[in-house]
């Protein structure tokens, strides 16, 4: 009798685990569908914003000052970075599912740091800070991930620096 009771308990537990596993698979499928849909929904208006910025850069509505051109180029760079992040979300979902690995490639670190610097330039300007980049090196990295890390580091540097300058050295 004890053996049959134990076997029944094990069978009930196995059925409960199977039910929970199926619920987790459904939840994961819903998450993947949501991620794909949201990525598409975010990309569509972002492409429009970038297109209007590009039209302005082409001076269709009239000539631009150097400051306006600089600001529009920064807007396009930020838009490009956001597109890369959205693609990264999709890659992360695929990575989580075991389908994709980070894209390791030779990257000019100074260029990526310059792009990250551009992303925080307006914040630094508001605080009267200068952000400088010195040196050059080629590294093996996922460019989008490296850019995001550098943006986060520079954003924190600007946030926690009250005066002076922020210097990034590439070696």
Protein backbone atom coordinates (compact mmCIF):
# COMPACT_ATOMS: atom_id res chain seq x y z
CA UNK A 1 0.00 0.00 0.00
CA UNK A 2 2.83 2.40 0.89
CA UNK A 3 4.56 1.70 -2.41
CA UNK A 4 1.35 2.39 -4.38
CA UNK A 5 0.78 5.62 -2.43
CA UNK A 6 4.35 6.76 -3.16
CA UNK A 7 4.00 5.85 -6.84
CA UNK A 8 0.71 7.80 -6.98
CA UNK A 9 2.35 10.84 -5.38
CA UNK A 10 5.23 10.69 -7.85
CA UNK A 11 2.80 10.43 -10.77
CA UNK A 12 0.77 13.41 -9.46
CA UNK A 13 3.97 15.43 -9.07
CA UNK A 14 5.10 14.52 -12.60
CA UNK A 15 1.72 15.64 -13.98
CA UNK A 16 1.98 18.95 -12.08
CA UNK A 17 5.52 19.51 -13.39
CA UNK A 18 4.35 18.78 -16.94
CA UNK A 19 1.52 21.33 -16.50
CA UNK A 20 3.93 23.96 -15.12
CA UNK A 21 6.43 23.31 -17.94
CA UNK A 22 3.72 23.77 -20.55
CA UNK A 23 2.64 27.04 -18.90
CA UNK A 24 6.26 28.24 -18.93
CA UNK A 25 6.61 27.34 -22.62
CA UNK A 26 3.42 29.31 -23.39
CA UNK A 27 4.67 32.29 -21.37
CA UNK A 28 8.01 32.19 -23.18
CA UNK A 29 6.24 32.06 -26.56
CA UNK A 30 4.09 35.06 -25.58
CA UNK A 31 7.24 36.94 -24.44
CA UNK A 32 8.96 36.22 -27.76
CA UNK A 33 5.91 37.35 -29.74
CA UNK A 34 5.66 40.52 -27.63
CA UNK A 35 9.37 41.29 -28.08
CA UNK A 36 9.13 40.89 -31.84
CA UNK A 37 5.96 43.00 -32.08
CA UNK A 38 7.33 45.77 -29.83
CA UNK A 39 10.61 45.88 -31.71
CA UNK A 40 8.71 46.38 -34.95
CA UNK A 41 6.41 48.97 -33.39
CA UNK A 42 9.40 50.91 -32.01
CA UNK A 43 11.38 50.74 -35.24
CA UNK A 44 8.62 52.13 -37.45
CA UNK A 45 8.33 55.61 -35.84
CA UNK A 46 12.09 55.71 -35.25
CA UNK A 47 12.70 55.26 -38.97
CA UNK A 48 10.34 58.19 -39.62
CA UNK A 49 12.12 60.43 -37.09
CA UNK A 50 15.48 59.55 -38.66
CA UNK A 51 14.12 60.21 -42.16
CA UNK A 52 12.93 63.69 -41.21
CA UNK A 53 16.30 64.46 -39.62
CA UNK A 54 18.03 63.32 -42.81
CA UNK A 55 15.75 65.54 -44.88
CA UNK A 56 16.65 68.51 -42.69
CA UNK A 57 20.35 67.68 -43.09
CA UNK A 58 19.87 67.77 -46.86
CA UNK A 59 18.70 71.38 -46.31
CA UNK A 60 15.43 70.83 -48.17
CA UNK A 61 13.72 73.41 -45.95
CA UNK A 62 16.63 75.85 -46.08
CA UNK A 63 20.20 76.24 -44.93
CA UNK A 64 21.35 75.06 -41.52
CA UNK A 65 23.71 76.64 -39.07
CA UNK A 66 26.71 74.59 -37.94
CA UNK A 67 25.05 74.10 -34.55
CA UNK A 68 21.82 72.85 -36.15
CA UNK A 69 23.78 70.47 -38.40
CA UNK A 70 25.69 69.18 -35.37
CA UNK A 71 22.45 68.63 -33.42
CA UNK A 72 20.79 66.79 -36.31
CA UNK A 73 23.84 64.58 -36.75
CA UNK A 74 23.69 63.80 -33.02
CA UNK A 75 19.99 62.98 -33.38
CA UNK A 76 20.75 60.58 -36.23
CA UNK A 77 23.55 58.96 -34.24
CA UNK A 78 21.21 58.52 -31.27
CA UNK A 79 18.57 57.08 -33.60
CA UNK A 80 21.10 54.66 -35.05
CA UNK A 81 22.09 53.61 -31.58
CA UNK A 82 18.46 53.07 -30.59
CA UNK A 83 17.98 50.91 -33.69
CA UNK A 84 21.01 48.86 -32.66
CA UNK A 85 19.57 48.47 -29.16
CA UNK A 86 16.23 47.30 -30.53
CA UNK A 87 18.08 44.81 -32.72
CA UNK A 88 20.02 43.82 -29.61
CA UNK A 89 16.79 43.04 -27.80
CA UNK A 90 15.87 40.72 -30.62
CA UNK A 91 19.36 39.17 -30.57
CA UNK A 92 19.15 38.75 -26.79
CA UNK A 93 15.84 36.93 -27.14
CA UNK A 94 17.42 34.67 -29.74
CA UNK A 95 20.51 34.25 -27.54
CA UNK A 96 18.30 33.30 -24.62
CA UNK A 97 16.69 30.68 -26.85
CA UNK A 98 20.17 29.43 -27.80
CA UNK A 99 19.99 30.69 -31.39
CA UNK A 100 22.44 33.60 -31.58
CA UNK A 101 25.79 34.51 -30.06
CA UNK A 102 27.23 38.03 -29.63
CA UNK A 103 28.75 39.27 -32.89
CA UNK A 104 32.43 39.55 -32.11
CA UNK A 105 34.31 41.62 -34.67
CA UNK A 106 37.28 43.95 -34.91
CA UNK A 107 36.09 47.36 -33.73
CA UNK A 108 37.88 50.71 -33.70
CA UNK A 109 37.45 51.59 -30.02
CA UNK A 110 38.04 55.32 -30.54
CA UNK A 111 35.19 55.49 -33.06
CA UNK A 112 32.78 53.71 -30.73
CA UNK A 113 33.85 55.91 -27.81
CA UNK A 114 33.32 58.96 -30.04
CA UNK A 115 29.79 57.78 -30.77
CA UNK A 116 29.16 57.21 -27.05
CA UNK A 117 30.61 60.66 -26.34
CA UNK A 118 28.18 62.15 -28.85
CA UNK A 119 25.29 60.48 -27.00
CA UNK A 120 26.12 62.29 -23.74
CA UNK A 121 27.41 65.54 -25.26
CA UNK A 122 24.21 67.47 -24.53
CA UNK A 123 24.25 66.41 -20.87
CA UNK A 124 27.92 67.39 -20.54
CA UNK A 125 27.25 70.73 -22.23
CA UNK A 126 24.43 71.47 -19.77
CA UNK A 127 26.82 70.94 -16.86
CA UNK A 128 29.68 72.82 -18.52
CA UNK A 129 31.81 69.67 -18.77
CA UNK A 130 34.20 68.73 -21.54
CA UNK A 131 34.42 65.10 -22.63
CA UNK A 132 37.67 64.23 -24.41
CA UNK A 133 38.81 61.05 -26.15
CA UNK A 134 42.49 60.25 -26.67
CA UNK A 135 44.27 57.34 -28.31
CA UNK A 136 43.25 54.55 -30.60
CA UNK A 137 43.01 50.77 -30.51
CA UNK A 138 41.26 47.97 -32.29
CA UNK A 139 39.42 45.54 -30.04
CA UNK A 140 37.49 42.33 -30.54
CA UNK A 141 33.95 43.03 -29.33
CA UNK A 142 30.26 43.16 -30.13
CA UNK A 143 30.11 46.77 -31.32
CA UNK A 144 26.56 47.47 -30.13
CA UNK A 145 27.21 46.02 -26.68
CA UNK A 146 30.48 47.92 -26.37
CA UNK A 147 28.76 51.17 -27.39
CA UNK A 148 26.02 50.66 -24.80
CA UNK A 149 28.55 49.95 -22.05
CA UNK A 150 30.50 53.09 -22.96
CA UNK A 151 27.34 55.22 -23.08
CA UNK A 152 26.41 53.96 -19.61
CA UNK A 153 29.91 54.68 -18.26
CA UNK A 154 30.04 58.16 -19.80
CA UNK A 155 26.51 58.95 -18.66
CA UNK A 156 27.50 58.06 -15.09
CA UNK A 157 30.71 60.08 -15.40
CA UNK A 158 28.71 63.15 -16.49
CA UNK A 159 26.07 62.54 -13.83
CA UNK A 160 28.61 62.35 -10.99
CA UNK A 161 31.08 65.01 -12.19
CA UNK A 162 30.27 68.53 -11.05
CA UNK A 163 33.08 70.46 -12.75
CA UNK A 164 36.10 69.98 -14.96
CA UNK A 165 36.32 67.40 -17.69
CA UNK A 166 35.87 63.73 -18.38
CA UNK A 167 38.74 62.11 -20.22
CA UNK A 168 38.59 58.73 -21.95
CA UNK A 169 41.87 57.17 -23.00
CA UNK A 170 41.97 54.34 -25.54
CA UNK A 171 44.97 52.03 -25.28
